[in-house]
Amino acid sequence: MLKKSLITSAIALSSIAGTATTQAQAAELTISCGAVGAELALCEEGVKAWEDKTGHTVNIVSTPNSSTERLSLYQQILSAQSSDIDVMQIDVVWPGLLANHLLDLKKVLGEDAAAGHFETIVANNTIDDRLVAMPWFTDAGVLYYRKDLLEKYGHEAPETWEEMTAIAEEIQDAERAAGNERIWGYVFQGRAYEGLTCNALEWVASNGGGTIVDADGEITIDNPKAAEALDLAASWIGDISPEGALNYTEEEARGVFQSGNAVFMRNWPYAWSLAQSEDSDVRNKVGVVKLPHGADGESAATLGGWNLAVSKYTESPEVAAELVAFLTGEAEQKRRAIQGAYNPTIASLYDDEEVLAAVPFFGTLYDTFTNAVARPSAPTGDNYGRVSNSFFNAAHSVLSGDKTGAEAVSQLDSELSRIKRRRW
């Protein structure tokens, strides 16, 4: 039975419909596997297939959509050494933060447990030679655009942020003049949370402004290129982007774009299958390309993606690990790619004809997904949460008009220096 020490007051539970079992050794597990877009339904289907195959039962735990809030919840539960959640969906930047509380999956599933998965992600998930999470799907930011509107006004997909800004403004103004008063030029993730770290890192890195902290742990954010990138983004608010974008996560941005009220959108690949659904207002009107870049930079897509890990405090470690192996296996990853446009972490699936038929840009943007820019979680270690929090708050202060880009990066440099002095 699910313990109620922490989880009762912090999160809600919903049971997966499954075949009841009377086997004496059947286990009952809990899993947190996201709730954005089709994510929850795909997880439910995968879990149901595993239940039918094994006779075990699984309860799906509902956790916050915000990755920042979800991490805080996980840390609370794990610090208490609670077994309330057996299997956790963890962000690509969390393995180092949570490693001490997670099971070494190689000890349960074998040394070759992650064979065939992208080596960079396996390395990311291996802490002190312990495989603390299995790759589930990878991610990188991409630019969605209205093919029909760009064609109508004689434009190709933009290559630079300046081009995107100009095209977005032109089409927005023309469409509004024609009676489409609700349309905006560009929507993105502007709320002060981890999603803004991803967006702002893309602006900065693609403008030649570095990656906040470099691979050697040196703070690099205080430079003119970084400030310039943030100032450009701030110019979008109230112009080509609504004021409400200051509180957008992925789903709010997708809602505006999918309802036909935006020309461009930055989001993750999962939004593709939803934009192509039968009830979508932009079905068959959407294109996907790599993100724009600054005048002196190259396109930079933040590495995203999620993994599945087993809590060290689970009462059924072997069974929980088996569930993880099933959900991250090739058959499940292929199903999720076709049905939900979730990027596989198994390289061979990018040559699969059925996968490419369902999500064509998996082939054309393969280099984007395999060469994405990592957030500085490795060089900052346990302090990454503080670093990211400081960065997205600084970026939000510029978007909100409270600071200029130069002021924000200068103050951020000082704040990160204090964090580094305490223990980097």
Protein backbone atom coordinates (compact mmCIF):
# COMPACT_ATOMS: atom_id res chain seq x y z
CA MET A 1 0.00 0.00 0.00
CA LEU A 2 1.16 3.51 -0.71
CA LYS A 3 2.64 5.23 2.29
CA LYS A 4 1.03 8.53 3.20
CA SER A 5 3.77 10.21 5.21
CA LEU A 6 4.61 12.96 2.72
CA ILE A 7 2.74 12.27 -0.42
CA THR A 8 -0.75 12.66 1.02
CA SER A 9 -0.27 16.36 1.61
CA ALA A 10 1.97 17.02 -1.38
CA ILE A 11 0.55 15.19 -4.38
CA ALA A 12 -2.55 13.40 -5.63
CA LEU A 13 -2.66 9.80 -6.73
CA SER A 14 -4.58 8.25 -9.58
CA SER A 15 -4.71 4.50 -10.10
CA ILE A 16 -4.05 2.93 -13.45
CA ALA A 17 -6.80 0.58 -14.61
CA GLY A 18 -5.17 -2.83 -14.75
CA THR A 19 -5.78 -6.51 -14.45
CA ALA A 20 -6.07 -7.48 -10.82
CA THR A 21 -3.78 -10.28 -9.76
CA THR A 22 -3.97 -12.79 -6.99
CA GLN A 23 -0.37 -13.90 -7.29
CA ALA A 24 1.26 -14.02 -3.88
CA GLN A 25 4.45 -12.37 -5.12
CA ALA A 26 2.81 -9.60 -7.14
CA ALA A 27 4.15 -6.16 -6.30
CA GLU A 28 2.41 -2.81 -6.19
CA LEU A 29 4.50 0.08 -7.42
CA THR A 30 4.13 3.83 -7.85
CA ILE A 31 5.55 5.85 -10.73
CA SER A 32 5.79 9.52 -11.57
CA CYS A 33 5.89 9.88 -15.34
CA GLY A 34 4.80 13.40 -16.26
CA ALA A 35 1.57 15.01 -17.36
CA VAL A 36 2.45 17.33 -20.27
CA GLY A 37 0.55 16.84 -23.52
CA ALA A 38 0.17 13.20 -24.46
CA GLU A 39 2.82 12.22 -21.93
CA LEU A 40 0.47 10.91 -19.27
CA ALA A 41 -1.67 8.87 -21.69
CA LEU A 42 1.42 7.30 -23.25
CA CYS A 43 2.75 6.39 -19.82
CA GLU A 44 -0.58 4.91 -18.81
CA GLU A 45 -0.61 2.74 -21.93
CA GLY A 46 2.94 1.57 -21.37
CA VAL A 47 2.32 0.79 -17.72
CA LYS A 48 -0.89 -1.09 -18.59
CA ALA A 49 1.02 -3.27 -21.07
CA TRP A 50 3.61 -4.08 -18.40
CA GLU A 51 0.91 -4.86 -15.82
CA ASP A 52 -0.79 -7.25 -18.25
CA LYS A 53 2.54 -8.92 -18.99
CA THR A 54 3.76 -9.33 -15.41
CA GLY A 55 0.74 -9.37 -13.09
CA HIS A 56 2.14 -6.51 -11.01
CA THR A 57 0.17 -3.31 -10.45
CA VAL A 58 1.28 0.30 -10.76
CA ASN A 59 -0.20 3.50 -9.42
CA ILE A 60 0.61 6.65 -11.35
CA VAL A 61 1.50 9.61 -9.15
CA SER A 62 0.53 13.07 -10.32
CA THR A 63 3.35 15.59 -9.85
CA PRO A 64 3.69 19.27 -10.81
CA ASN A 65 4.16 20.13 -14.49
CA SER A 66 6.83 22.65 -13.53
CA SER A 67 10.16 20.83 -13.48
CA THR A 68 11.40 23.19 -10.77
CA GLU A 69 8.49 22.28 -8.49
CA ARG A 70 8.80 18.59 -9.33
CA LEU A 71 12.47 18.54 -8.36
CA SER A 72 11.64 20.17 -5.04
CA LEU A 73 9.02 17.51 -4.37
CA TYR A 74 11.42 14.68 -5.25
CA GLN A 75 14.09 16.14 -2.97
CA GLN A 76 11.60 16.34 -0.13
CA ILE A 77 10.52 12.72 -0.52
CA LEU A 78 14.00 11.31 -1.05
CA SER A 79 15.56 13.27 1.80
CA ALA A 80 13.02 11.65 4.09
CA GLN A 81 14.08 8.23 2.69
CA SER A 82 10.45 7.62 1.86
CA SER A 83 9.33 4.86 -0.51
CA ASP A 84 6.27 6.85 -1.59
CA ILE A 85 7.43 6.90 -5.23
CA ASP A 86 9.25 3.84 -6.54
CA VAL A 87 10.01 5.00 -10.09
CA MET A 88 10.68 8.65 -10.88
CA GLN A 89 10.84 10.51 -14.15
CA ILE A 90 13.88 12.76 -13.79
CA ASP A 91 15.19 15.59 -15.92
CA VAL A 92 18.48 15.22 -17.77
CA VAL A 93 20.10 17.73 -15.38
CA TRP A 94 19.08 15.93 -12.18
CA PRO A 95 21.14 12.69 -12.01
CA GLY A 96 24.02 14.40 -10.21
CA LEU A 97 21.64 16.12 -7.80
CA LEU A 98 19.71 12.98 -6.86
CA ALA A 99 22.31 10.23 -7.40
CA ASN A 100 22.82 9.40 -3.72
CA HIS A 101 19.14 8.51 -3.41
CA LEU A 102 18.85 6.40 -6.58
CA LEU A 103 19.41 2.72 -7.27
CA ASP A 104 22.36 1.60 -9.38
CA LEU A 105 20.46 0.01 -12.26
CA LYS A 106 23.50 -1.88 -13.53
CA LYS A 107 23.47 -3.97 -10.36
CA VAL A 108 19.91 -5.07 -11.08
CA LEU A 109 19.66 -5.03 -14.88
CA GLY A 110 23.25 -5.91 -15.73
CA GLU A 111 26.29 -4.06 -17.03
CA ASP A 112 24.82 -3.74 -20.53
CA ALA A 113 21.49 -2.33 -19.31
CA ALA A 114 21.86 0.83 -21.42
CA ALA A 115 23.38 -0.75 -24.54
CA GLY A 116 22.13 0.93 -27.73
CA HIS A 117 21.15 4.20 -26.06
CA PHE A 118 22.95 7.46 -26.87
CA GLU A 119 26.29 7.26 -25.11
CA THR A 120 26.24 10.92 -24.11
CA ILE A 121 23.01 10.44 -22.16
CA VAL A 122 24.21 7.20 -20.59
CA ALA A 123 27.36 9.03 -19.49
CA ASN A 124 25.21 11.86 -18.14
CA ASN A 125 23.20 9.34 -16.11
CA THR A 126 26.28 7.54 -14.78
CA ILE A 127 27.54 9.03 -11.52
CA ASP A 128 30.63 7.50 -9.89
CA ASP A 129 30.24 4.48 -12.18
CA ARG A 130 26.63 4.01 -11.02
CA LEU A 131 23.88 4.03 -13.65
CA VAL A 132 21.29 5.98 -11.68
CA ALA A 133 18.75 6.46 -14.50
CA MET A 134 17.81 4.91 -17.82
CA PRO A 135 17.34 7.20 -20.84
CA TRP A 136 13.66 7.47 -21.78
CA PHE A 137 13.44 10.25 -24.33
CA THR A 138 15.73 13.03 -25.39
CA ASP A 139 14.80 16.56 -26.36
CA ALA A 140 16.10 19.74 -27.91
CA GLY A 141 14.34 23.02 -28.51
CA VAL A 142 12.97 23.57 -32.03
CA LEU A 143 11.16 26.35 -33.90
CA TYR A 144 7.59 25.70 -35.02
CA TYR A 145 6.16 27.95 -37.72
CA ARG A 146 3.00 28.41 -39.73
CA LYS A 147 3.87 27.17 -43.20
CA ASP A 148 0.70 28.62 -44.67
CA LEU A 149 1.32 32.12 -43.31
CA LEU A 150 4.97 32.26 -44.32
CA GLU A 151 4.03 31.11 -47.81
CA LYS A 152 1.20 33.66 -47.97
CA TYR A 153 3.61 36.51 -47.25
CA GLY A 154 6.51 35.18 -49.30
CA HIS A 155 8.93 34.12 -46.57
CA GLU A 156 11.15 31.14 -45.92
CA ALA A 157 11.76 29.89 -42.36
CA PRO A 158 14.08 32.39 -40.63
CA GLU A 159 17.71 31.60 -39.93
CA THR A 160 18.45 34.41 -37.47
CA TRP A 161 16.57 35.86 -34.51
CA GLU A 162 16.53 39.22 -36.26
CA GLU A 163 14.87 37.67 -39.32
CA MET A 164 12.33 35.89 -37.14
CA THR A 165 11.52 39.13 -35.32
CA ALA A 166 10.97 41.03 -38.57
CA ILE A 167 8.88 38.28 -40.19
CA ALA A 168 6.79 37.79 -37.05
CA GLU A 169 6.04 41.50 -36.83
CA GLU A 170 5.16 41.79 -40.52
CA ILE A 171 2.78 38.83 -40.53
CA GLN A 172 1.25 39.73 -37.17
CA ASP A 173 0.49 43.28 -38.29
CA ALA A 174 -0.89 42.19 -41.67
CA GLU A 175 -3.10 39.49 -40.18
CA ARG A 176 -4.45 41.83 -37.54
CA ALA A 177 -5.23 44.41 -40.19
CA ALA A 178 -7.15 41.69 -42.03
CA GLY A 179 -9.27 40.99 -38.94
CA ASN A 180 -7.28 38.32 -37.07
CA GLU A 181 -6.84 40.46 -33.96
CA ARG A 182 -5.75 37.65 -31.65
CA ILE A 183 -2.67 36.58 -33.56
CA TRP A 184 0.85 37.05 -32.16
CA GLY A 185 4.19 36.73 -33.86
CA TYR A 186 6.05 34.52 -31.38
CA VAL A 187 5.32 32.51 -28.24
CA PHE A 188 7.84 30.82 -25.97
CA GLN A 189 8.40 29.76 -22.35
CA GLY A 190 8.85 33.01 -20.40
CA ARG A 191 7.86 32.07 -16.85
CA ALA A 192 10.63 32.24 -14.24
CA TYR A 193 11.35 28.49 -14.10
CA GLU A 194 13.63 25.90 -15.66
CA GLY A 195 11.96 26.29 -19.05
CA LEU A 196 13.18 29.88 -19.22
CA THR A 197 16.70 28.68 -18.45
CA CYS A 198 16.41 26.53 -21.59
CA ASN A 199 15.05 29.36 -23.76
CA ALA A 200 17.49 31.98 -22.48
CA LEU A 201 20.47 29.64 -22.84
CA GLU A 202 19.50 29.21 -26.50
CA TRP A 203 19.34 32.99 -27.03
CA VAL A 204 22.66 33.58 -25.32
CA ALA A 205 24.59 30.64 -26.79
CA SER A 206 23.30 31.23 -30.32
CA ASN A 207 24.47 34.85 -30.10
CA GLY A 208 28.01 33.88 -29.15
CA GLY A 209 27.44 34.65 -25.47
CA GLY A 210 28.55 31.32 -24.02
CA THR A 211 26.79 28.84 -21.74
CA ILE A 212 26.53 30.72 -18.41
CA VAL A 213 29.28 28.54 -16.90
CA ASP A 214 31.79 26.78 -19.13
CA ALA A 215 32.92 23.15 -18.95
CA ASP A 216 35.76 24.07 -16.59
CA GLY A 217 33.42 25.73 -14.12
CA GLU A 218 34.33 29.29 -15.07
CA ILE A 219 31.49 31.83 -15.03
CA THR A 220 31.11 33.34 -18.52
CA ILE A 221 27.72 35.07 -18.51
CA ASP A 222 28.89 38.67 -18.06
CA ASN A 223 29.60 39.60 -21.68
CA PRO A 224 28.07 41.93 -24.29
CA LYS A 225 26.79 39.12 -26.52
CA ALA A 226 24.79 37.60 -23.66
CA ALA A 227 23.36 40.99 -22.70
CA GLU A 228 22.46 41.70 -26.32
CA ALA A 229 20.59 38.41 -26.65
CA LEU A 230 18.51 39.09 -23.53
CA ASP A 231 17.72 42.62 -24.69
CA LEU A 232 16.47 41.32 -28.03
CA ALA A 233 14.20 38.83 -26.27
CA ALA A 234 12.87 41.60 -24.03
CA SER A 235 11.95 43.62 -27.13
CA TRP A 236 9.51 40.88 -28.12
CA ILE A 237 7.28 41.31 -25.06
CA GLY A 238 4.26 43.44 -25.91
CA ASP A 239 5.40 43.61 -29.53
CA ILE A 240 5.44 40.19 -31.19
CA SER A 241 4.88 38.26 -27.94
CA PRO A 242 2.01 38.81 -25.50
CA GLU A 243 2.62 40.14 -22.00
CA GLY A 244 1.21 36.82 -20.84
CA ALA A 245 4.29 35.07 -22.23
CA LEU A 246 6.03 36.19 -19.04
CA ASN A 247 4.06 33.40 -17.37
CA TYR A 248 4.04 30.80 -20.15
CA THR A 249 5.31 27.27 -19.75
CA GLU A 250 5.36 24.79 -22.64
CA GLU A 251 1.64 24.14 -22.53
CA GLU A 252 0.51 27.77 -22.47
CA ALA A 253 2.70 28.51 -25.48
CA ARG A 254 1.40 25.42 -27.28
CA GLY A 255 -2.18 26.38 -26.55
CA VAL A 256 -1.76 29.75 -28.25
CA PHE A 257 0.06 28.30 -31.26
CA GLN A 258 -2.21 25.30 -31.72
CA SER A 259 -5.32 27.49 -31.62
CA GLY A 260 -3.92 29.36 -34.62
CA ASN A 261 -2.91 32.49 -32.73
CA ALA A 262 0.86 32.57 -33.27
CA VAL A 263 3.16 32.59 -36.29
CA PHE A 264 6.19 31.10 -34.52
CA MET A 265 6.68 29.02 -31.37
CA ARG A 266 9.67 27.66 -29.52
CA ASN A 267 8.90 24.31 -27.94
CA TRP A 268 10.02 20.70 -27.64
CA PRO A 269 9.27 17.99 -30.23
CA TYR A 270 6.31 16.60 -28.25
CA ALA A 271 4.16 19.47 -29.55
CA TRP A 272 4.34 18.11 -33.10
CA SER A 273 1.91 15.22 -32.70
CA LEU A 274 -0.55 17.46 -30.86
CA ALA A 275 -0.37 20.14 -33.56
CA GLN A 276 -1.12 17.42 -36.12
CA SER A 277 -4.06 15.95 -34.20
CA GLU A 278 -7.51 15.95 -35.75
CA ASP A 279 -8.85 18.64 -33.43
CA SER A 280 -5.89 20.98 -33.99
CA ASP A 281 -6.60 24.32 -35.67
CA VAL A 282 -3.17 24.20 -37.34
CA ARG A 283 -3.23 20.61 -38.57
CA ASN A 284 -1.10 20.27 -41.74
CA LYS A 285 -0.11 23.95 -41.50
CA VAL A 286 3.00 23.55 -39.35
CA GLY A 287 6.69 23.31 -40.15
CA VAL A 288 9.59 22.57 -37.80
CA VAL A 289 13.17 23.82 -38.21
CA LYS A 290 16.19 24.41 -36.04
CA LEU A 291 16.14 27.48 -33.84
CA PRO A 292 17.47 30.77 -35.20
CA HIS A 293 20.83 32.24 -34.25
CA GLY A 294 22.36 35.64 -33.69
CA ALA A 295 24.37 37.56 -36.29
CA ASP A 296 27.68 36.09 -35.12
CA GLY A 297 26.54 32.76 -33.72
CA GLU A 298 25.14 29.37 -34.66
CA SER A 299 21.82 27.76 -33.85
CA ALA A 300 21.80 26.42 -30.29
CA ALA A 301 19.16 24.06 -28.98
CA THR A 302 19.15 23.28 -25.28
CA LEU A 303 19.52 19.60 -24.49
CA GLY A 304 16.44 18.35 -22.74
CA GLY A 305 14.98 14.96 -22.14
CA TRP A 306 13.87 12.75 -19.31
CA ASN A 307 14.98 9.53 -17.73
CA LEU A 308 13.50 6.91 -15.44
CA ALA A 309 15.14 6.19 -12.10
CA VAL A 310 14.38 3.91 -9.16
CA SER A 311 14.36 5.27 -5.63
CA LYS A 312 16.91 3.60 -3.38
CA TYR A 313 14.17 3.41 -0.76
CA THR A 314 11.75 1.32 -2.81
CA GLU A 315 10.53 -1.88 -1.21
CA SER A 316 10.65 -3.71 -4.58
CA PRO A 317 13.92 -2.74 -6.29
CA GLU A 318 14.09 -5.63 -8.76
CA VAL A 319 10.48 -5.23 -9.91
CA ALA A 320 10.80 -1.45 -10.16
CA ALA A 321 13.95 -1.85 -12.27
CA GLU A 322 12.13 -4.27 -14.55
CA LEU A 323 9.39 -1.68 -15.09
CA VAL A 324 12.03 0.90 -16.00
CA ALA A 325 13.70 -1.51 -18.45
CA PHE A 326 10.35 -2.18 -20.15
CA LEU A 327 9.32 1.47 -20.46
CA THR A 328 12.73 2.56 -21.81
CA GLY A 329 13.07 -0.40 -24.18
CA GLU A 330 13.10 -0.18 -27.97
CA ALA A 331 9.47 -1.22 -28.53
CA GLU A 332 8.11 1.34 -26.07
CA GLN A 333 10.37 4.09 -27.37
CA LYS A 334 9.23 3.40 -30.93
CA ARG A 335 5.57 3.50 -29.90
CA ARG A 336 6.06 6.77 -28.04
CA ALA A 337 7.93 8.29 -31.00
CA ILE A 338 5.16 7.41 -33.46
CA GLN A 339 2.23 8.32 -31.25
CA GLY A 340 3.64 11.26 -29.32
CA ALA A 341 6.75 12.52 -31.18
CA TYR A 342 8.97 11.78 -28.19
CA ASN A 343 12.58 11.57 -29.35
CA PRO A 344 14.03 8.09 -28.81
CA THR A 345 17.33 7.66 -26.99
CA ILE A 346 18.07 4.56 -29.07
CA ALA A 347 20.04 5.55 -32.17
CA SER A 348 18.67 2.81 -34.45
CA LEU A 349 15.13 4.21 -34.20
CA TYR A 350 16.20 7.32 -36.14
CA ASP A 351 16.54 5.06 -39.20
CA ASP A 352 13.19 3.37 -38.62
CA GLU A 353 10.85 4.01 -41.56
CA GLU A 354 7.70 4.02 -39.44
CA VAL A 355 9.19 6.53 -37.00
CA LEU A 356 10.34 8.86 -39.80
CA ALA A 357 6.96 8.63 -41.52
CA ALA A 358 5.26 9.77 -38.34
CA VAL A 359 7.79 12.48 -37.44
CA PRO A 360 9.75 13.54 -40.54
CA PHE A 361 11.88 16.15 -38.79
CA PHE A 362 13.50 13.46 -36.64
CA GLY A 363 15.60 12.78 -39.72
CA THR A 364 16.25 16.33 -40.90
CA LEU A 365 17.05 17.63 -37.40
CA TYR A 366 19.02 14.61 -36.20
CA ASP A 367 22.18 16.71 -35.78
CA THR A 368 20.24 19.21 -33.68
CA PHE A 369 19.17 16.47 -31.29
CA THR A 370 22.59 14.85 -31.04
CA ASN A 371 24.58 18.10 -30.71
CA ALA A 372 22.31 20.04 -28.38
CA VAL A 373 23.79 22.47 -25.85
CA ALA A 374 23.90 21.11 -22.32
CA ARG A 375 22.89 23.23 -19.36
CA PRO A 376 25.83 23.67 -16.96
CA SER A 377 24.75 20.96 -14.54
CA ALA A 378 27.98 18.95 -14.80
CA PRO A 379 30.45 21.74 -13.91
CA THR A 380 28.23 23.20 -11.16
CA GLY A 381 27.27 19.87 -9.57
CA ASP A 382 24.97 20.10 -6.56
CA ASN A 383 24.73 23.86 -7.07
CA TYR A 384 23.07 23.61 -10.48
CA GLY A 385 19.64 24.30 -9.01
CA ARG A 386 20.87 27.59 -7.54
CA VAL A 387 22.67 28.49 -10.75
CA SER A 388 19.61 27.85 -12.90
CA ASN A 389 17.35 29.70 -10.48
CA SER A 390 19.63 32.72 -10.58
CA PHE A 391 19.83 32.61 -14.37
CA PHE A 392 16.13 32.32 -15.09
CA ASN A 393 15.33 35.07 -12.59
CA ALA A 394 17.91 37.33 -14.23
CA ALA A 395 16.47 36.58 -17.67
CA HIS A 396 12.95 37.20 -16.40
CA SER A 397 13.98 40.55 -14.95
CA VAL A 398 15.11 41.62 -18.43
CA LEU A 399 11.98 40.30 -20.13
CA SER A 400 9.88 42.16 -17.56
CA GLY A 401 11.71 45.42 -18.23
CA ASP A 402 13.10 45.67 -14.70
CA LYS A 403 16.73 45.51 -15.85
CA THR A 404 18.73 45.88 -19.01
CA GLY A 405 20.65 42.91 -20.33
CA ALA A 406 23.95 44.44 -19.22
CA GLU A 407 22.67 45.07 -15.70
CA ALA A 408 21.27 41.57 -15.41
CA VAL A 409 24.37 39.69 -16.55
CA SER A 410 26.63 41.83 -14.36
CA GLN A 411 24.52 41.16 -11.27
CA LEU A 412 24.18 37.50 -12.24
CA ASP A 413 27.96 37.18 -12.46
CA SER A 414 28.27 38.47 -8.90
CA GLU A 415 25.56 36.15 -7.65
CA LEU A 416 27.07 33.10 -9.33
CA SER A 417 30.48 34.02 -7.93
CA ARG A 418 29.02 33.95 -4.42
CA ILE A 419 27.50 30.53 -5.08
CA LYS A 420 30.81 29.27 -6.45
CA ARG A 421 32.74 30.50 -3.42
CA ARG A 422 30.46 28.58 -1.06
CA ARG A 423 31.06 25.28 -2.84
CA TRP A 424 31.20 24.66 -6.56
